[in-house]
Amino acid sequence: MNEADALELMRSAIWTVLVVTGPAIGAAMVVGIIIALFQALTQIQEMTLTFVPKILVVFAVLMISASFIGSEIYVFTQQAYSRIENGF
């Protein structure tokens, strides 16, 4: 394995992490903005108001996108193992 192969494997790993975490992070950002707007408009500064809805939404998004996440990780693992098998 040379440097180009290692860099390609790392690039693929980072891209997989970004694709897999994207839906959950995006949902948390949208809920956070909505809650921040609600807190600014009503001047309610309750700390649990920010955490509980985000946790529930992230959990729901992870449940919905679990098959997508699993398939992306499976594809990356298959590619990594095939490179190891073929000697890069």
PDB file of N, CA and C in Angstrom:
ATOM      1  N   MET A   1       0.853  -1.171   0.000  1.00  0.00           N
ATOM      2  CA  MET A   1       0.000   0.000   0.000  1.00  0.00           C
ATOM      3  C   MET A   1       0.895   1.229   0.000  1.00  0.00           C
ATOM      4  N   ASN A   2       0.659   2.100  -0.944  1.00  0.00           N
ATOM      5  CA  ASN A   2       1.437   3.328  -0.998  1.00  0.00           C
ATOM      6  C   ASN A   2       0.615   4.486  -0.433  1.00  0.00           C
ATOM      7  N   GLU A   3       1.182   5.676  -0.506  1.00  0.00           N
ATOM      8  CA  GLU A   3       0.527   6.839   0.088  1.00  0.00           C
ATOM      9  C   GLU A   3      -0.775   7.192  -0.609  1.00  0.00           C
ATOM     10  N   ALA A   4      -0.829   7.038  -1.914  1.00  0.00           N
ATOM     11  CA  ALA A   4      -2.047   7.363  -2.661  1.00  0.00           C
ATOM     12  C   ALA A   4      -3.197   6.453  -2.259  1.00  0.00           C
ATOM     13  N   ASP A   5      -2.901   5.174  -2.068  1.00  0.00           N
ATOM     14  CA  ASP A   5      -3.947   4.238  -1.644  1.00  0.00           C
ATOM     15  C   ASP A   5      -4.447   4.569  -0.241  1.00  0.00           C
ATOM     16  N   ALA A   6      -3.529   4.895   0.645  1.00  0.00           N
ATOM     17  CA  ALA A   6      -3.917   5.250   2.010  1.00  0.00           C
ATOM     18  C   ALA A   6      -4.752   6.526   2.031  1.00  0.00           C
ATOM     19  N   LEU A   7      -4.365   7.504   1.221  1.00  0.00           N
ATOM     20  CA  LEU A   7      -5.131   8.747   1.154  1.00  0.00           C
ATOM     21  C   LEU A   7      -6.516   8.514   0.564  1.00  0.00           C
ATOM     22  N   GLU A   8      -6.606   7.666  -0.439  1.00  0.00           N
ATOM     23  CA  GLU A   8      -7.905   7.350  -1.035  1.00  0.00           C
ATOM     24  C   GLU A   8      -8.806   6.636  -0.033  1.00  0.00           C
ATOM     25  N   LEU A   9      -8.241   5.728   0.742  1.00  0.00           N
ATOM     26  CA  LEU A   9      -9.017   5.033   1.765  1.00  0.00           C
ATOM     27  C   LEU A   9      -9.487   5.999   2.851  1.00  0.00           C
ATOM     28  N   MET A  10      -8.629   6.909   3.261  1.00  0.00           N
ATOM     29  CA  MET A  10      -9.014   7.902   4.273  1.00  0.00           C
ATOM     30  C   MET A  10     -10.063   8.874   3.715  1.00  0.00           C
ATOM     31  N   ARG A  11      -9.920   9.263   2.467  1.00  0.00           N
ATOM     32  CA  ARG A  11     -10.911  10.145   1.855  1.00  0.00           C
ATOM     33  C   ARG A  11     -12.272   9.458   1.799  1.00  0.00           C
ATOM     34  N   SER A  12     -12.266   8.200   1.437  1.00  0.00           N
ATOM     35  CA  SER A  12     -13.501   7.436   1.381  1.00  0.00           C
ATOM     36  C   SER A  12     -14.120   7.272   2.771  1.00  0.00           C
ATOM     37  N   ALA A  13     -13.281   7.071   3.774  1.00  0.00           N
ATOM     38  CA  ALA A  13     -13.777   6.932   5.149  1.00  0.00           C
ATOM     39  C   ALA A  13     -14.388   8.236   5.647  1.00  0.00           C
ATOM     40  N   ILE A  14     -13.735   9.343   5.389  1.00  0.00           N
ATOM     41  CA  ILE A  14     -14.253  10.641   5.822  1.00  0.00           C
ATOM     42  C   ILE A  14     -15.558  10.958   5.093  1.00  0.00           C
ATOM     43  N   TRP A  15     -15.615  10.665   3.803  1.00  0.00           N
ATOM     44  CA  TRP A  15     -16.840  10.923   3.046  1.00  0.00           C
ATOM     45  C   TRP A  15     -17.990  10.061   3.582  1.00  0.00           C
ATOM     46  N   THR A  16     -17.697   8.807   3.921  1.00  0.00           N
ATOM     47  CA  THR A  16     -18.724   7.932   4.479  1.00  0.00           C
ATOM     48  C   THR A  16     -19.242   8.472   5.801  1.00  0.00           C
ATOM     49  N   VAL A  17     -18.346   8.958   6.651  1.00  0.00           N
ATOM     50  CA  VAL A  17     -18.758   9.526   7.937  1.00  0.00           C
ATOM     51  C   VAL A  17     -19.642  10.754   7.711  1.00  0.00           C
ATOM     52  N   LEU A  18     -19.282  11.609   6.769  1.00  0.00           N
ATOM     53  CA  LEU A  18     -20.081  12.795   6.497  1.00  0.00           C
ATOM     54  C   LEU A  18     -21.467  12.434   5.963  1.00  0.00           C
ATOM     55  N   VAL A  19     -21.532  11.462   5.080  1.00  0.00           N
ATOM     56  CA  VAL A  19     -22.820  11.061   4.508  1.00  0.00           C
ATOM     57  C   VAL A  19     -23.701  10.396   5.565  1.00  0.00           C
ATOM     58  N   VAL A  20     -23.098   9.577   6.418  1.00  0.00           N
ATOM     59  CA  VAL A  20     -23.861   8.852   7.430  1.00  0.00           C
ATOM     60  C   VAL A  20     -24.382   9.784   8.524  1.00  0.00           C
ATOM     61  N   THR A  21     -23.581  10.760   8.930  1.00  0.00           N
ATOM     62  CA  THR A  21     -24.002  11.652  10.011  1.00  0.00           C
ATOM     63  C   THR A  21     -24.803  12.847   9.519  1.00  0.00           C
ATOM     64  N   GLY A  22     -24.848  13.065   8.234  1.00  0.00           N
ATOM     65  CA  GLY A  22     -25.535  14.223   7.675  1.00  0.00           C
ATOM     66  C   GLY A  22     -26.995  14.373   8.064  1.00  0.00           C
ATOM     67  N   PRO A  23     -27.825  13.330   7.912  1.00  0.00           N
ATOM     68  CA  PRO A  23     -29.240  13.500   8.262  1.00  0.00           C
ATOM     69  C   PRO A  23     -29.477  13.856   9.729  1.00  0.00           C
ATOM     70  N   ALA A  24     -28.763  13.213  10.637  1.00  0.00           N
ATOM     71  CA  ALA A  24     -28.959  13.488  12.069  1.00  0.00           C
ATOM     72  C   ALA A  24     -28.490  14.891  12.427  1.00  0.00           C
ATOM     73  N   ILE A  25     -27.360  15.301  11.905  1.00  0.00           N
ATOM     74  CA  ILE A  25     -26.848  16.636  12.202  1.00  0.00           C
ATOM     75  C   ILE A  25     -27.731  17.703  11.573  1.00  0.00           C
ATOM     76  N   GLY A  26     -28.189  17.465  10.364  1.00  0.00           N
ATOM     77  CA  GLY A  26     -29.088  18.416   9.715  1.00  0.00           C
ATOM     78  C   GLY A  26     -30.390  18.585  10.485  1.00  0.00           C
ATOM     79  N   ALA A  27     -30.955  17.479  10.944  1.00  0.00           N
ATOM     80  CA  ALA A  27     -32.195  17.559  11.720  1.00  0.00           C
ATOM     81  C   ALA A  27     -31.972  18.288  13.039  1.00  0.00           C
ATOM     82  N   ALA A  28     -30.848  18.017  13.696  1.00  0.00           N
ATOM     83  CA  ALA A  28     -30.544  18.704  14.956  1.00  0.00           C
ATOM     84  C   ALA A  28     -30.355  20.202  14.738  1.00  0.00           C
ATOM     85  N   MET A  29     -29.750  20.572  13.617  1.00  0.00           N
ATOM     86  CA  MET A  29     -29.569  22.001  13.336  1.00  0.00           C
ATOM     87  C   MET A  29     -30.900  22.690  13.081  1.00  0.00           C
ATOM     88  N   VAL A  30     -31.778  22.050  12.324  1.00  0.00           N
ATOM     89  CA  VAL A  30     -33.077  22.654  12.037  1.00  0.00           C
ATOM     90  C   VAL A  30     -33.896  22.808  13.312  1.00  0.00           C
ATOM     91  N   VAL A  31     -33.926  21.772  14.138  1.00  0.00           N
ATOM     92  CA  VAL A  31     -34.668  21.852  15.400  1.00  0.00           C
ATOM     93  C   VAL A  31     -34.044  22.893  16.316  1.00  0.00           C
ATOM     94  N   GLY A  32     -32.724  22.971  16.346  1.00  0.00           N
ATOM     95  CA  GLY A  32     -32.057  23.975  17.177  1.00  0.00           C
ATOM     96  C   GLY A  32     -32.404  25.395  16.759  1.00  0.00           C
ATOM     97  N   ILE A  33     -32.462  25.639  15.468  1.00  0.00           N
ATOM     98  CA  ILE A  33     -32.816  26.977  14.979  1.00  0.00           C
ATOM     99  C   ILE A  33     -34.266  27.310  15.320  1.00  0.00           C
ATOM    100  N   ILE A  34     -35.145  26.334  15.157  1.00  0.00           N
ATOM    101  CA  ILE A  34     -36.555  26.568  15.486  1.00  0.00           C
ATOM    102  C   ILE A  34     -36.724  26.852  16.974  1.00  0.00           C
ATOM    103  N   ILE A  35     -36.052  26.091  17.813  1.00  0.00           N
ATOM    104  CA  ILE A  35     -36.164  26.296  19.263  1.00  0.00           C
ATOM    105  C   ILE A  35     -35.532  27.625  19.665  1.00  0.00           C
ATOM    106  N   ALA A  36     -34.410  27.970  19.053  1.00  0.00           N
ATOM    107  CA  ALA A  36     -33.781  29.261  19.365  1.00  0.00           C
ATOM    108  C   ALA A  36     -34.689  30.417  18.971  1.00  0.00           C
ATOM    109  N   LEU A  37     -35.343  30.304  17.833  1.00  0.00           N
ATOM    110  CA  LEU A  37     -36.292  31.332  17.418  1.00  0.00           C
ATOM    111  C   LEU A  37     -37.470  31.413  18.382  1.00  0.00           C
ATOM    112  N   PHE A  38     -37.986  30.255  18.794  1.00  0.00           N
ATOM    113  CA  PHE A  38     -39.081  30.221  19.758  1.00  0.00           C
ATOM    114  C   PHE A  38     -38.666  30.847  21.091  1.00  0.00           C
ATOM    115  N   GLN A  39     -37.455  30.540  21.556  1.00  0.00           N
ATOM    116  CA  GLN A  39     -36.977  31.123  22.812  1.00  0.00           C
ATOM    117  C   GLN A  39     -36.770  32.626  22.681  1.00  0.00           C
ATOM    118  N   ALA A  40     -36.306  33.073  21.560  1.00  0.00           N
ATOM    119  CA  ALA A  40     -36.101  34.513  21.364  1.00  0.00           C
ATOM    120  C   ALA A  40     -37.427  35.261  21.309  1.00  0.00           C
ATOM    121  N   LEU A  41     -38.424  34.642  20.711  1.00  0.00           N
ATOM    122  CA  LEU A  41     -39.721  35.302  20.593  1.00  0.00           C
ATOM    123  C   LEU A  41     -40.487  35.318  21.911  1.00  0.00           C
ATOM    124  N   THR A  42     -40.370  34.250  22.694  1.00  0.00           N
ATOM    125  CA  THR A  42     -41.142  34.160  23.929  1.00  0.00           C
ATOM    126  C   THR A  42     -40.329  34.499  25.170  1.00  0.00           C
ATOM    127  N   GLN A  43     -39.038  34.635  25.036  1.00  0.00           N
ATOM    128  CA  GLN A  43     -38.113  34.918  26.137  1.00  0.00           C
ATOM    129  C   GLN A  43     -38.145  33.841  27.216  1.00  0.00           C
ATOM    130  N   ILE A  44     -38.402  32.624  26.805  1.00  0.00           N
ATOM    131  CA  ILE A  44     -38.319  31.473  27.710  1.00  0.00           C
ATOM    132  C   ILE A  44     -36.896  30.937  27.622  1.00  0.00           C
ATOM    133  N   GLN A  45     -36.197  30.877  28.727  1.00  0.00           N
ATOM    134  CA  GLN A  45     -34.798  30.450  28.725  1.00  0.00           C
ATOM    135  C   GLN A  45     -34.603  29.136  29.476  1.00  0.00           C
ATOM    136  N   GLU A  46     -35.465  28.183  29.239  1.00  0.00           N
ATOM    137  CA  GLU A  46     -35.378  26.879  29.881  1.00  0.00           C
ATOM    138  C   GLU A  46     -34.338  26.026  29.150  1.00  0.00           C
ATOM    139  N   MET A  47     -33.366  25.496  29.885  1.00  0.00           N
ATOM    140  CA  MET A  47     -32.281  24.732  29.262  1.00  0.00           C
ATOM    141  C   MET A  47     -32.754  23.391  28.708  1.00  0.00           C
ATOM    142  N   THR A  48     -33.696  22.752  29.385  1.00  0.00           N
ATOM    143  CA  THR A  48     -34.159  21.449  28.892  1.00  0.00           C
ATOM    144  C   THR A  48     -34.970  21.591  27.614  1.00  0.00           C
ATOM    145  N   LEU A  49     -35.471  22.774  27.349  1.00  0.00           N
ATOM    146  CA  LEU A  49     -36.239  23.001  26.131  1.00  0.00           C
ATOM    147  C   LEU A  49     -35.359  22.824  24.890  1.00  0.00           C
ATOM    148  N   THR A  50     -34.078  23.043  25.017  1.00  0.00           N
ATOM    149  CA  THR A  50     -33.191  22.878  23.862  1.00  0.00           C
ATOM    150  C   THR A  50     -32.755  21.432  23.664  1.00  0.00           C
ATOM    151  N   PHE A  51     -32.583  20.674  24.737  1.00  0.00           N
ATOM    152  CA  PHE A  51     -32.007  19.337  24.617  1.00  0.00           C
ATOM    153  C   PHE A  51     -33.030  18.254  24.296  1.00  0.00           C
ATOM    154  N   VAL A  52     -34.155  18.266  24.962  1.00  0.00           N
ATOM    155  CA  VAL A  52     -35.119  17.180  24.808  1.00  0.00           C
ATOM    156  C   VAL A  52     -35.655  17.075  23.380  1.00  0.00           C
ATOM    157  N   PRO A  53     -36.117  18.153  22.750  1.00  0.00           N
ATOM    158  CA  PRO A  53     -36.595  18.001  21.360  1.00  0.00           C
ATOM    159  C   PRO A  53     -35.493  17.567  20.390  1.00  0.00           C
ATOM    160  N   LYS A  54     -34.277  18.068  20.594  1.00  0.00           N
ATOM    161  CA  LYS A  54     -33.178  17.663  19.705  1.00  0.00           C
ATOM    162  C   LYS A  54     -32.910  16.172  19.837  1.00  0.00           C
ATOM    163  N   ILE A  55     -32.888  15.671  21.061  1.00  0.00           N
ATOM    164  CA  ILE A  55     -32.626  14.248  21.271  1.00  0.00           C
ATOM    165  C   ILE A  55     -33.716  13.408  20.623  1.00  0.00           C
ATOM    166  N   LEU A  56     -34.961  13.817  20.797  1.00  0.00           N
ATOM    167  CA  LEU A  56     -36.070  13.059  20.213  1.00  0.00           C
ATOM    168  C   LEU A  56     -36.025  13.074  18.687  1.00  0.00           C
ATOM    169  N   VAL A  57     -35.738  14.229  18.102  1.00  0.00           N
ATOM    170  CA  VAL A  57     -35.688  14.331  16.644  1.00  0.00           C
ATOM    171  C   VAL A  57     -34.504  13.554  16.079  1.00  0.00           C
ATOM    172  N   VAL A  58     -33.353  13.654  16.709  1.00  0.00           N
ATOM    173  CA  VAL A  58     -32.180  12.907  16.233  1.00  0.00           C
ATOM    174  C   VAL A  58     -32.439  11.410  16.327  1.00  0.00           C
ATOM    175  N   PHE A  59     -33.049  10.962  17.423  1.00  0.00           N
ATOM    176  CA  PHE A  59     -33.376   9.547  17.560  1.00  0.00           C
ATOM    177  C   PHE A  59     -34.348   9.101  16.470  1.00  0.00           C
ATOM    178  N   ALA A  60     -35.360   9.921  16.195  1.00  0.00           N
ATOM    179  CA  ALA A  60     -36.328   9.573  15.146  1.00  0.00           C
ATOM    180  C   ALA A  60     -35.661   9.522  13.771  1.00  0.00           C
ATOM    181  N   VAL A  61     -34.800  10.480  13.486  1.00  0.00           N
ATOM    182  CA  VAL A  61     -34.110  10.493  12.192  1.00  0.00           C
ATOM    183  C   VAL A  61     -33.192   9.285  12.063  1.00  0.00           C
ATOM    184  N   LEU A  62     -32.509   8.918  13.139  1.00  0.00           N
ATOM    185  CA  LEU A  62     -31.651   7.736  13.097  1.00  0.00           C
ATOM    186  C   LEU A  62     -32.463   6.465  12.889  1.00  0.00           C
ATOM    187  N   MET A  63     -33.638   6.409  13.496  1.00  0.00           N
ATOM    188  CA  MET A  63     -34.494   5.234  13.297  1.00  0.00           C
ATOM    189  C   MET A  63     -34.976   5.157  11.847  1.00  0.00           C
ATOM    190  N   ILE A  64     -35.336   6.301  11.275  1.00  0.00           N
ATOM    191  CA  ILE A  64     -35.835   6.325   9.902  1.00  0.00           C
ATOM    192  C   ILE A  64     -34.727   6.007   8.901  1.00  0.00           C
ATOM    193  N   SER A  65     -33.538   6.548   9.137  1.00  0.00           N
ATOM    194  CA  SER A  65     -32.449   6.384   8.172  1.00  0.00           C
ATOM    195  C   SER A  65     -31.483   5.261   8.540  1.00  0.00           C
ATOM    196  N   ALA A  66     -31.882   4.367   9.411  1.00  0.00           N
ATOM    197  CA  ALA A  66     -30.978   3.292   9.845  1.00  0.00           C
ATOM    198  C   ALA A  66     -30.574   2.374   8.692  1.00  0.00           C
ATOM    199  N   SER A  67     -31.498   2.052   7.812  1.00  0.00           N
ATOM    200  CA  SER A  67     -31.148   1.171   6.693  1.00  0.00           C
ATOM    201  C   SER A  67     -30.169   1.854   5.736  1.00  0.00           C
ATOM    202  N   PHE A  68     -30.352   3.153   5.513  1.00  0.00           N
ATOM    203  CA  PHE A  68     -29.427   3.908   4.673  1.00  0.00           C
ATOM    204  C   PHE A  68     -28.033   3.948   5.303  1.00  0.00           C
ATOM    205  N   ILE A  69     -27.979   4.217   6.597  1.00  0.00           N
ATOM    206  CA  ILE A  69     -26.704   4.278   7.312  1.00  0.00           C
ATOM    207  C   ILE A  69     -26.001   2.927   7.257  1.00  0.00           C
ATOM    208  N   GLY A  70     -26.757   1.868   7.512  1.00  0.00           N
ATOM    209  CA  GLY A  70     -26.172   0.530   7.457  1.00  0.00           C
ATOM    210  C   GLY A  70     -25.647   0.173   6.087  1.00  0.00           C
ATOM    211  N   SER A  71     -26.389   0.539   5.051  1.00  0.00           N
ATOM    212  CA  SER A  71     -25.941   0.206   3.695  1.00  0.00           C
ATOM    213  C   SER A  71     -24.696   0.993   3.311  1.00  0.00           C
ATOM    214  N   GLU A  72     -24.604   2.250   3.726  1.00  0.00           N
ATOM    215  CA  GLU A  72     -23.406   3.050   3.426  1.00  0.00           C
ATOM    216  C   GLU A  72     -22.177   2.487   4.136  1.00  0.00           C
ATOM    217  N   ILE A  73     -22.331   2.106   5.381  1.00  0.00           N
ATOM    218  CA  ILE A  73     -21.206   1.521   6.119  1.00  0.00           C
ATOM    219  C   ILE A  73     -20.829   0.169   5.522  1.00  0.00           C
ATOM    220  N   TYR A  74     -21.822  -0.596   5.099  1.00  0.00           N
ATOM    221  CA  TYR A  74     -21.558  -1.882   4.470  1.00  0.00           C
ATOM    222  C   TYR A  74     -20.778  -1.720   3.166  1.00  0.00           C
ATOM    223  N   VAL A  75     -21.171  -0.751   2.345  1.00  0.00           N
ATOM    224  CA  VAL A  75     -20.474  -0.502   1.076  1.00  0.00           C
ATOM    225  C   VAL A  75     -19.027  -0.096   1.335  1.00  0.00           C
ATOM    226  N   PHE A  76     -18.814   0.794   2.311  1.00  0.00           N
ATOM    227  CA  PHE A  76     -17.442   1.204   2.620  1.00  0.00           C
ATOM    228  C   PHE A  76     -16.613   0.022   3.110  1.00  0.00           C
ATOM    229  N   THR A  77     -17.200  -0.802   3.969  1.00  0.00           N
ATOM    230  CA  THR A  77     -16.473  -1.957   4.493  1.00  0.00           C
ATOM    231  C   THR A  77     -16.140  -2.934   3.383  1.00  0.00           C
ATOM    232  N   GLN A  78     -17.069  -3.154   2.474  1.00  0.00           N
ATOM    233  CA  GLN A  78     -16.801  -4.027   1.338  1.00  0.00           C
ATOM    234  C   GLN A  78     -15.658  -3.495   0.483  1.00  0.00           C
ATOM    235  N   GLN A  79     -15.652  -2.196   0.229  1.00  0.00           N
ATOM    236  CA  GLN A  79     -14.579  -1.602  -0.570  1.00  0.00           C
ATOM    237  C   GLN A  79     -13.237  -1.728   0.139  1.00  0.00           C
ATOM    238  N   ALA A  80     -13.219  -1.492   1.429  1.00  0.00           N
ATOM    239  CA  ALA A  80     -11.959  -1.582   2.174  1.00  0.00           C
ATOM    240  C   ALA A  80     -11.436  -3.014   2.186  1.00  0.00           C
ATOM    241  N   TYR A  81     -12.322  -3.984   2.417  1.00  0.00           N
ATOM    242  CA  TYR A  81     -11.886  -5.381   2.442  1.00  0.00           C
ATOM    243  C   TYR A  81     -11.464  -5.871   1.065  1.00  0.00           C
ATOM    244  N   SER A  82     -12.124  -5.393   0.015  1.00  0.00           N
ATOM    245  CA  SER A  82     -11.714  -5.821  -1.328  1.00  0.00           C
ATOM    246  C   SER A  82     -10.348  -5.246  -1.678  1.00  0.00           C
ATOM    247  N   ARG A  83     -10.058  -4.033  -1.194  1.00  0.00           N
ATOM    248  CA  ARG A  83      -8.723  -3.476  -1.423  1.00  0.00           C
ATOM    249  C   ARG A  83      -7.668  -4.264  -0.678  1.00  0.00           C
ATOM    250  N   ILE A  84      -7.990  -4.675   0.539  1.00  0.00           N
ATOM    251  CA  ILE A  84      -7.037  -5.489   1.306  1.00  0.00           C
ATOM    252  C   ILE A  84      -6.831  -6.835   0.617  1.00  0.00           C
ATOM    253  N   GLU A  85      -7.915  -7.433   0.150  1.00  0.00           N
ATOM    254  CA  GLU A  85      -7.856  -8.732  -0.504  1.00  0.00           C
ATOM    255  C   GLU A  85      -7.034  -8.688  -1.792  1.00  0.00           C
ATOM    256  N   ASN A  86      -7.205  -7.602  -2.559  1.00  0.00           N
ATOM    257  CA  ASN A  86      -6.492  -7.479  -3.828  1.00  0.00           C
ATOM    258  C   ASN A  86      -5.106  -6.867  -3.673  1.00  0.00           C
ATOM    259  N   GLY A  87      -4.730  -6.523  -2.486  1.00  0.00           N
ATOM    260  CA  GLY A  87      -3.418  -5.927  -2.263  1.00  0.00           C
ATOM    261  C   GLY A  87      -3.355  -4.484  -2.701  1.00  0.00           C
ATOM    262  N   PHE A  88      -4.473  -3.803  -2.654  1.00  0.00           N
ATOM    263  CA  PHE A  88      -4.603  -2.398  -3.067  1.00  0.00           C
ATOM    264  C   PHE A  88      -4.251  -2.315  -4.521  1.00  0.00           C
TER     265      PHE A  88
END
